[in-house]
Protein backbone atom coordinates (compact mmCIF):
# COMPACT_ATOMS: atom_id res chain seq x y z
CA MET A 1 199.67 3.45 22.15
CA ARG A 2 197.64 3.61 18.99
CA VAL A 3 194.67 1.39 18.33
CA LYS A 4 195.01 -0.87 15.31
CA LYS A 5 192.58 -3.23 13.65
CA SER A 6 192.92 -5.17 10.41
CA ILE A 7 190.08 -6.48 8.26
CA THR A 8 190.28 -8.50 5.05
CA MET A 9 187.61 -7.54 2.54
CA ASN A 10 186.67 -7.69 -1.12
CA GLN A 11 186.90 -4.20 -2.61
CA THR A 12 186.44 -3.45 -6.33
CA LEU A 13 186.57 -7.19 -7.09
CA SER A 14 190.08 -7.69 -5.64
CA ILE A 15 191.31 -8.87 -2.24
CA SER A 16 193.11 -6.30 -0.11
CA THR A 17 193.92 -5.71 3.54
CA LEU A 18 192.16 -2.83 5.20
CA GLN A 19 193.77 -1.29 8.30
CA LEU A 20 192.09 1.08 10.72
CA PHE A 21 194.12 3.28 13.09
CA ALA A 22 192.50 5.35 15.82
CA VAL A 23 194.46 8.50 16.67
CA PRO A 24 194.42 8.54 20.49
CA ASN A 25 194.60 11.29 23.09
CA LEU A 26 193.22 14.19 21.08
CA PRO A 27 192.43 17.18 23.30
CA ASP A 28 188.92 18.55 23.76
CA ILE A 29 188.09 20.67 20.73
CA LYS A 30 186.80 24.19 21.30
CA PRO A 31 185.45 26.90 18.98
CA ASP A 32 188.13 28.53 16.81
CA ASP A 33 190.61 25.70 17.46
CA SER A 34 192.72 24.85 14.42
CA LEU A 35 191.52 21.30 13.85
CA ILE A 36 194.12 20.56 11.19
CA GLU A 37 196.90 21.73 13.49
CA ILE A 38 195.60 19.56 16.34
CA ILE A 39 195.29 16.51 14.07
CA ASN A 40 198.79 16.99 12.65
CA LYS A 41 200.31 17.38 16.13
CA SER A 42 198.48 14.26 17.32
CA LEU A 43 199.73 12.27 14.33
CA VAL A 44 203.31 13.31 15.06
CA LYS A 45 202.94 12.70 18.81
CA ASN A 46 201.63 9.20 18.21
CA ASP A 47 204.24 8.45 15.52
CA ILE A 48 201.62 7.97 12.81
CA LEU A 49 202.84 8.81 9.31
CA LEU A 50 200.14 9.11 6.66
CA LYS A 51 200.71 7.37 3.35
CA PRO A 52 199.31 8.04 -0.13
CA TYR A 53 195.70 6.83 -0.45
CA ASP A 54 195.11 6.94 3.30
CA ILE A 55 191.67 8.25 4.20
CA VAL A 56 191.26 10.34 7.35
CA VAL A 57 187.79 9.93 8.83
CA ILE A 58 186.83 12.70 11.25
CA ALA A 59 183.80 12.76 13.50
CA GLN A 60 181.38 15.56 12.67
CA LYS A 61 181.27 16.55 16.33
CA ILE A 62 184.82 17.88 16.51
CA VAL A 63 184.43 19.62 13.14
CA SER A 64 181.28 21.38 14.39
CA LYS A 65 182.95 22.25 17.69
CA SER A 66 185.97 23.80 15.98
CA GLU A 67 183.67 25.81 13.71
CA GLY A 68 181.61 27.03 16.66
CA CYS A 69 178.33 25.47 15.50
CA PHE A 70 176.68 25.83 18.90
CA LEU A 71 173.17 27.10 19.44
CA ARG A 72 171.81 28.42 22.74
CA LEU A 73 168.24 27.24 23.18
CA SER A 74 167.25 30.03 25.57
CA GLN A 75 167.74 32.57 22.78
CA LEU A 76 165.14 30.94 20.53
CA LEU A 77 161.58 32.15 20.16
CA VAL A 78 159.18 29.23 20.07
CA SER A 79 156.92 29.28 17.01
CA LYS A 80 153.39 27.95 16.72
CA GLN A 81 154.67 25.03 14.65
CA ALA A 82 157.22 24.10 17.32
CA THR A 83 154.52 24.22 19.99
CA GLU A 84 152.26 21.96 17.95
CA LEU A 85 155.06 19.48 17.26
CA ALA A 86 155.98 19.47 20.95
CA ALA A 87 152.42 18.41 21.80
CA LEU A 88 152.56 15.61 19.23
CA SER A 89 156.02 14.30 20.09
CA GLY A 90 156.60 15.12 23.74
CA LYS A 91 159.89 16.82 22.86
CA ASP A 92 160.97 20.15 24.29
CA ALA A 93 159.54 22.99 22.19
CA LYS A 94 162.82 24.91 22.04
CA LYS A 95 164.69 21.86 20.84
CA ILE A 96 162.04 21.48 18.16
CA GLU A 97 162.53 25.12 17.19
CA ALA A 98 166.22 24.36 16.73
CA ILE A 99 165.29 21.36 14.55
CA LEU A 100 162.99 23.54 12.44
CA GLY A 101 165.79 26.04 11.92
CA GLU A 102 168.03 23.31 10.51
CA SER A 103 165.38 21.56 8.42
CA GLN A 104 163.79 22.06 5.05
CA GLN A 105 161.00 19.54 5.76
CA ILE A 106 159.57 17.64 8.73
CA MET A 107 159.12 14.03 7.62
CA ARG A 108 157.78 12.14 10.65
CA VAL A 109 156.77 12.91 14.24
CA ALA A 110 156.18 10.30 16.94
CA ALA A 111 155.80 10.27 20.72
CA LEU A 112 158.40 7.54 21.21
CA PRO A 113 160.57 7.04 24.31
CA PRO A 114 162.68 8.41 25.74
CA ASN A 115 161.82 11.95 24.63
CA GLY A 116 159.97 11.82 21.31
CA LEU A 117 161.20 11.49 17.76
CA ILE A 118 161.27 13.90 14.84
CA VAL A 119 162.69 12.84 11.47
CA SER A 120 163.41 15.73 9.16
CA ARG A 121 165.08 16.55 5.89
CA HIS A 122 168.09 18.61 6.90
CA ARG A 123 168.87 21.74 4.90
CA HIS A 124 171.78 19.78 3.36
CA GLY A 125 169.36 17.09 2.20
CA TRP A 126 170.08 14.37 4.76
CA VAL A 127 167.03 12.60 6.17
CA CYS A 128 167.84 12.02 9.84
CA ALA A 129 166.53 12.27 13.37
CA ASN A 130 166.38 15.74 14.95
CA ALA A 131 168.14 17.38 11.99
CA GLY A 132 171.43 15.94 13.24
CA ILE A 133 171.38 18.20 16.31
CA ASP A 134 173.60 16.80 19.05
CA GLU A 135 173.54 17.07 22.84
CA SER A 136 176.07 14.41 23.92
CA ASN A 137 179.84 14.69 24.45
CA LEU A 138 179.86 18.45 24.01
CA GLY A 139 182.46 19.08 26.72
CA HIS A 140 182.68 20.02 30.40
CA ASP A 141 182.33 23.75 29.74
CA ILE A 142 179.10 23.42 27.71
CA ASP A 143 175.88 23.81 29.70
CA HIS A 144 172.55 22.08 29.05
CA ASP A 145 171.23 25.16 27.28
CA GLU A 146 173.47 24.57 24.26
CA VAL A 147 173.20 22.10 21.41
CA LEU A 148 175.57 21.37 18.54
CA LEU A 149 174.56 21.70 14.88
CA LEU A 150 176.03 20.04 11.81
CA PRO A 151 178.73 22.06 10.01
CA LYS A 152 177.44 24.80 7.72
CA ASP A 153 179.10 23.11 4.72
CA PRO A 154 180.61 19.69 5.57
CA ASP A 155 182.15 19.22 2.10
CA ALA A 156 183.93 22.57 2.38
CA SER A 157 185.08 21.59 5.88
CA ALA A 158 186.54 18.36 4.48
CA GLN A 159 188.32 20.26 1.71
CA ARG A 160 189.88 22.68 4.21
CA LEU A 161 191.31 19.72 6.11
CA GLN A 162 192.41 17.72 3.08
CA GLY A 163 194.57 20.44 1.49
CA PRO A 164 197.04 20.81 4.38
CA LEU A 165 197.19 17.03 4.90
CA GLU A 166 198.14 16.45 1.27
CA LYS A 167 200.69 19.26 1.47
CA THR A 168 202.29 17.70 4.54
CA TYR A 169 202.16 14.02 3.64
CA GLY A 170 201.91 13.96 -0.15
CA GLU A 171 199.06 13.15 -2.50
CA PRO A 172 196.55 11.69 -2.52
CA ILE A 173 195.00 11.81 0.96
CA GLY A 174 191.22 11.54 1.36
CA VAL A 175 189.05 13.07 4.06
CA VAL A 176 185.62 11.89 5.20
CA ILE A 177 183.55 13.71 7.81
CA SER A 178 181.19 11.22 9.40
CA ASP A 179 178.09 11.37 11.55
CA THR A 180 175.96 8.69 13.20
CA PHE A 181 172.56 8.15 11.60
CA GLY A 182 169.72 5.73 12.25
CA ARG A 183 168.26 3.72 9.37
CA ALA A 184 164.75 3.12 8.14
CA TRP A 185 163.51 -0.41 8.87
CA ARG A 186 166.65 -1.32 10.87
CA LYS A 187 167.54 -0.79 14.52
CA GLY A 188 170.75 0.80 15.66
CA GLN A 189 172.93 3.47 14.12
CA VAL A 190 175.92 3.49 11.76
CA ASN A 191 178.37 6.15 10.69
CA VAL A 192 177.76 7.75 7.30
CA ALA A 193 179.64 10.34 5.27
CA ILE A 194 178.27 13.88 5.40
CA GLY A 195 181.35 15.61 4.01
CA ILE A 196 184.11 14.31 1.73
CA ALA A 197 187.20 15.56 -0.04
CA GLY A 198 189.22 13.62 -2.59
CA VAL A 199 187.50 10.25 -2.17
CA PRO A 200 184.61 9.20 -4.43
CA ALA A 201 181.12 9.32 -2.95
CA ILE A 202 179.92 6.37 -5.03
CA VAL A 203 181.89 3.82 -7.07
CA SER A 204 179.97 2.54 -10.07
CA LEU A 205 180.57 -1.09 -11.00
CA VAL A 206 177.94 -0.97 -13.74
CA GLY A 207 179.29 -2.61 -16.89
CA GLN A 208 181.80 -4.80 -15.05
CA ASN A 209 181.35 -8.53 -14.65
CA ASP A 210 180.67 -10.28 -11.34
CA ALA A 211 182.78 -13.18 -10.05
CA TYR A 212 180.92 -15.55 -12.41
CA GLY A 213 181.14 -13.40 -15.53
CA ARG A 214 177.67 -11.91 -15.43
CA PRO A 215 177.45 -8.18 -16.19
CA LEU A 216 176.61 -5.87 -13.28
CA THR A 217 173.75 -3.51 -14.06
CA VAL A 218 172.93 -1.68 -10.80
CA SER A 219 175.90 -2.16 -8.43
CA GLN A 220 177.04 1.23 -7.14
CA PRO A 221 178.65 0.89 -3.68
CA ALA A 222 178.42 4.03 -1.54
CA PHE A 223 182.18 4.09 -1.04
CA ALA A 224 182.33 7.08 1.31
CA ASP A 225 179.56 5.66 3.50
CA GLU A 226 181.33 2.30 3.66
CA VAL A 227 184.53 4.00 4.77
CA ALA A 228 182.65 6.00 7.40
CA ALA A 229 180.88 2.89 8.70
CA ALA A 230 184.15 0.96 8.96
CA ALA A 231 185.76 3.83 10.87
CA GLY A 232 182.81 3.83 13.22
CA LEU A 233 184.06 0.52 14.63
CA LEU A 234 186.86 2.45 16.33
CA MET A 235 185.01 5.74 16.80
CA GLY A 236 183.12 4.90 19.98
CA LYS A 237 180.92 7.21 22.03
CA THR A 238 183.09 6.72 25.12
CA THR A 239 186.57 6.16 23.64
CA ARG A 240 187.30 9.78 22.62
CA THR A 241 188.81 8.66 19.30
CA PRO A 242 187.15 10.98 16.75
CA VAL A 243 189.90 10.64 14.11
CA ILE A 244 190.45 7.34 12.32
CA ILE A 245 192.99 6.51 9.60
CA VAL A 246 191.75 4.05 6.96
CA ARG A 247 194.55 2.42 4.99
CA GLY A 248 194.71 -0.17 2.24
CA LEU A 249 191.76 0.66 0.00
CA SER A 250 192.11 1.19 -3.73
CA TRP A 251 190.31 4.35 -4.87
CA THR A 252 190.57 6.95 -7.59
CA PRO A 253 190.96 10.56 -6.39
CA SER A 254 188.12 12.86 -7.39
CA LEU A 255 188.35 16.65 -7.56
CA ASN A 256 184.61 17.15 -7.85
CA THR A 257 183.53 14.77 -5.11
CA CYS A 258 180.59 15.77 -2.93
CA ALA A 259 178.81 13.95 -0.10
CA ARG A 260 175.50 15.25 -1.43
CA ASP A 261 175.99 12.90 -4.40
CA ILE A 262 174.91 10.11 -2.04
CA ILE A 263 171.51 11.67 -1.41
CA ARG A 264 168.75 9.96 -3.35
CA PRO A 265 166.75 12.44 -5.47
CA ILE A 266 163.33 13.20 -4.02
CA GLN A 267 161.58 11.84 -7.12
CA GLU A 268 163.21 8.46 -6.41
CA GLU A 269 162.07 8.30 -2.79
CA LEU A 270 159.47 5.54 -2.92
CA PHE A 271 158.65 5.20 0.76
CA VAL A 272 158.05 8.72 2.08
């Protein structure tokens, strides 16, 4: 039985109905698994037929698993920097070494419960905790010595999934690879887009009029992030539903779309 949820929202200044479908009963994903084949089989098995302008939101975790983005901590040599950061944060030095390997800059370090906090600028440009390195829901056959990294190129991963989906179901079909990030100044986490194919990263409303006729000068909704966040409502940590179908949005396909377009340029970062 598929999970279905409907939400009415205002999108691009028109009322539409947004539907979210969780694709249930996906198998555990392992390195070298064909993720597109597994997704297609699950869609057929659950009698879900994609339609033009559907967006398939896929959790980063299963993308990284299928691409074998595991790292064994015991194989790392702990650097002086990792040792120093371990003393400041209380985190395990080898986990910090893994964070350093995935980061272009360490932004903040704090000895916060439960096991310290490091905020870094990932090599892709994302500012996030622990360089996006994951230790939860890795599978029964993964020991505590292994951690999971973000995909090497999430946009390329999204493109590899989008092509076969469009070939099977017709154009256009969008793909968003999402991950769960914390937010500055706000508690909790939300899903954001780290890889996209077909869908726009940002929709500019600049030059249009608001509901009262006033011109919009700065409104640029982060469309891909909004889609990822909505999908996160059905993509729980315990529900094992890492693939969500988003249906009902109006969007213009983009060939040159890139999740990195959402990253604010460093010269515009006012609070770091």
